[in-house]
Amino acid sequence: MKKIIFITTRDAEYGFSLAGITHYAVDPVEAGEELKNVMAEPDNGLVIIDERLVRGEVEEHLREMEQVWSGILLVLPSPEKLPAEAEDYAARLIRRAIGYHVRLNV
C-alpha cells in the first residue's frame, strides 16, 4: 500500500503528526529538496504540499516533477488569506489546463 505524505510549513507541525500522518514540517527554502526526497521514495503514492511552500524554484519545477513521478501531487490551499495580487493555485491550474487566464471571484 502506498503512503500519503504531507509537507507543510512549520506552523502546522503538530496537527498532522497528532493524527498519525507522515508529515514533514519544513521552511520554504527547504521545500524543494524535501519534495524531491519524498518523491524519490517508491513507497510514497500521494504527496500533499502546502501552497505557501510552492514558490520560486519549487513552483517553476512543479510541473516537471509531476510529469516524471508516478504518484499524485496535490497542493493544499493555504489556511491564510493570500495577498490580492497573488494568483491562487486553482487559477494557475485552470490557466495551465486551458491556456487562458480565468478570474475567479470567491
Protein backbone atom coordinates (compact mmCIF):
# COMPACT_ATOMS: atom_id res chain seq x y z
CA MET A 1 0.00 0.00 0.00
CA LYS A 2 1.33 3.43 -0.94
CA LYS A 3 1.88 6.10 1.70
CA ILE A 4 0.32 9.55 1.98
CA ILE A 5 2.82 12.29 2.83
CA PHE A 6 2.15 15.88 3.90
CA ILE A 7 4.73 18.65 3.50
CA THR A 8 3.75 21.85 5.29
CA THR A 9 5.23 24.91 6.91
CA ARG A 10 6.42 24.65 10.49
CA ASP A 11 3.25 26.27 11.88
CA ALA A 12 1.28 23.11 11.03
CA GLU A 13 3.86 20.78 12.52
CA TYR A 14 1.78 19.19 15.26
CA GLY A 15 -1.66 18.90 13.67
CA PHE A 16 -0.84 16.24 11.10
CA SER A 17 1.56 14.38 13.38
CA LEU A 18 -1.10 14.08 16.08
CA ALA A 19 -3.38 12.44 13.52
CA GLY A 20 -0.72 9.81 12.83
CA ILE A 21 0.00 11.02 9.30
CA THR A 22 3.52 11.05 7.87
CA HIS A 23 4.37 14.71 7.88
CA TYR A 24 7.38 16.88 7.14
CA ALA A 25 7.42 20.43 8.50
CA VAL A 26 9.92 22.49 6.52
CA ASP A 27 10.96 26.05 5.92
CA PRO A 28 10.24 27.44 2.43
CA VAL A 29 13.92 27.24 1.44
CA GLU A 30 13.94 23.50 2.25
CA ALA A 31 10.69 22.69 0.45
CA GLY A 32 12.14 21.86 -2.97
CA GLU A 33 14.73 19.45 -1.62
CA GLU A 34 12.26 17.75 0.72
CA LEU A 35 9.74 17.35 -2.11
CA LYS A 36 12.39 15.70 -4.31
CA ASN A 37 13.38 13.35 -1.47
CA VAL A 38 9.78 12.33 -0.78
CA MET A 39 9.04 11.76 -4.47
CA ALA A 40 12.16 9.58 -4.78
CA GLU A 41 10.75 7.07 -2.27
CA PRO A 42 8.93 4.30 -4.18
CA ASP A 43 6.51 3.67 -1.27
CA ASN A 44 5.01 7.19 -1.47
CA GLY A 45 1.93 7.43 -3.67
CA LEU A 46 0.33 10.73 -2.67
CA VAL A 47 2.22 13.87 -1.68
CA ILE A 48 0.29 16.87 -0.43
CA ILE A 49 2.27 20.11 -0.16
CA ASP A 50 1.19 23.37 1.46
CA GLU A 51 0.51 26.12 -1.10
CA ARG A 52 2.74 28.53 0.85
CA LEU A 53 5.73 26.31 0.01
CA VAL A 54 5.03 26.34 -3.73
CA ARG A 55 7.05 29.44 -4.53
CA GLY A 56 10.15 30.26 -6.55
CA GLU A 57 12.17 27.21 -7.60
CA VAL A 58 9.52 24.75 -6.38
CA GLU A 59 6.80 26.42 -8.43
CA GLU A 60 8.99 26.50 -11.54
CA HIS A 61 9.80 22.78 -11.36
CA LEU A 62 6.44 21.54 -10.06
CA ARG A 63 5.01 20.59 -13.45
CA GLU A 64 8.20 18.75 -14.46
CA MET A 65 8.17 16.82 -11.19
CA GLU A 66 4.51 15.88 -11.67
CA GLN A 67 5.15 14.50 -15.16
CA VAL A 68 8.07 12.24 -14.24
CA TRP A 69 6.60 10.91 -10.98
CA SER A 70 4.14 8.01 -10.98
CA GLY A 71 2.28 9.22 -7.85
CA ILE A 72 -0.17 12.04 -7.27
CA LEU A 73 0.97 15.50 -6.18
CA LEU A 74 -1.63 17.83 -4.64
CA VAL A 75 -1.29 21.40 -3.43
CA LEU A 76 -3.09 22.07 -0.16
CA PRO A 77 -4.71 25.53 -0.16
CA SER A 78 -3.20 27.97 2.28
CA PRO A 79 -5.15 28.49 5.52
CA GLU A 80 -4.24 32.17 5.50
CA LYS A 81 -5.63 34.77 3.14
CA LEU A 82 -3.20 35.37 0.30
CA PRO A 83 -2.47 38.90 -0.92
CA ALA A 84 -4.92 40.12 -3.57
CA GLU A 85 -2.24 40.37 -6.25
CA ALA A 86 -1.13 36.77 -5.76
CA GLU A 87 -2.71 34.29 -8.11
CA ASP A 88 -4.07 31.30 -6.23
CA TYR A 89 -3.31 27.69 -7.09
CA ALA A 90 -6.74 26.97 -8.61
CA ALA A 91 -6.42 29.86 -11.07
CA ARG A 92 -2.89 28.75 -12.05
CA LEU A 93 -4.12 25.20 -12.58
CA ILE A 94 -7.03 26.34 -14.77
CA ARG A 95 -4.74 28.61 -16.78
CA ARG A 96 -2.31 25.73 -17.37
CA ALA A 97 -5.08 23.32 -18.35
CA ILE A 98 -6.97 25.55 -20.78
CA GLY A 99 -4.27 28.05 -21.69
CA TYR A 100 -6.39 31.03 -20.69
CA HIS A 101 -6.45 33.23 -17.62
CA VAL A 102 -9.72 32.94 -15.71
CA ARG A 103 -10.60 35.37 -12.93
CA LEU A 104 -12.35 33.67 -10.05
CA ASN A 105 -14.30 35.68 -7.50
CA VAL A 106 -14.97 33.67 -4.38
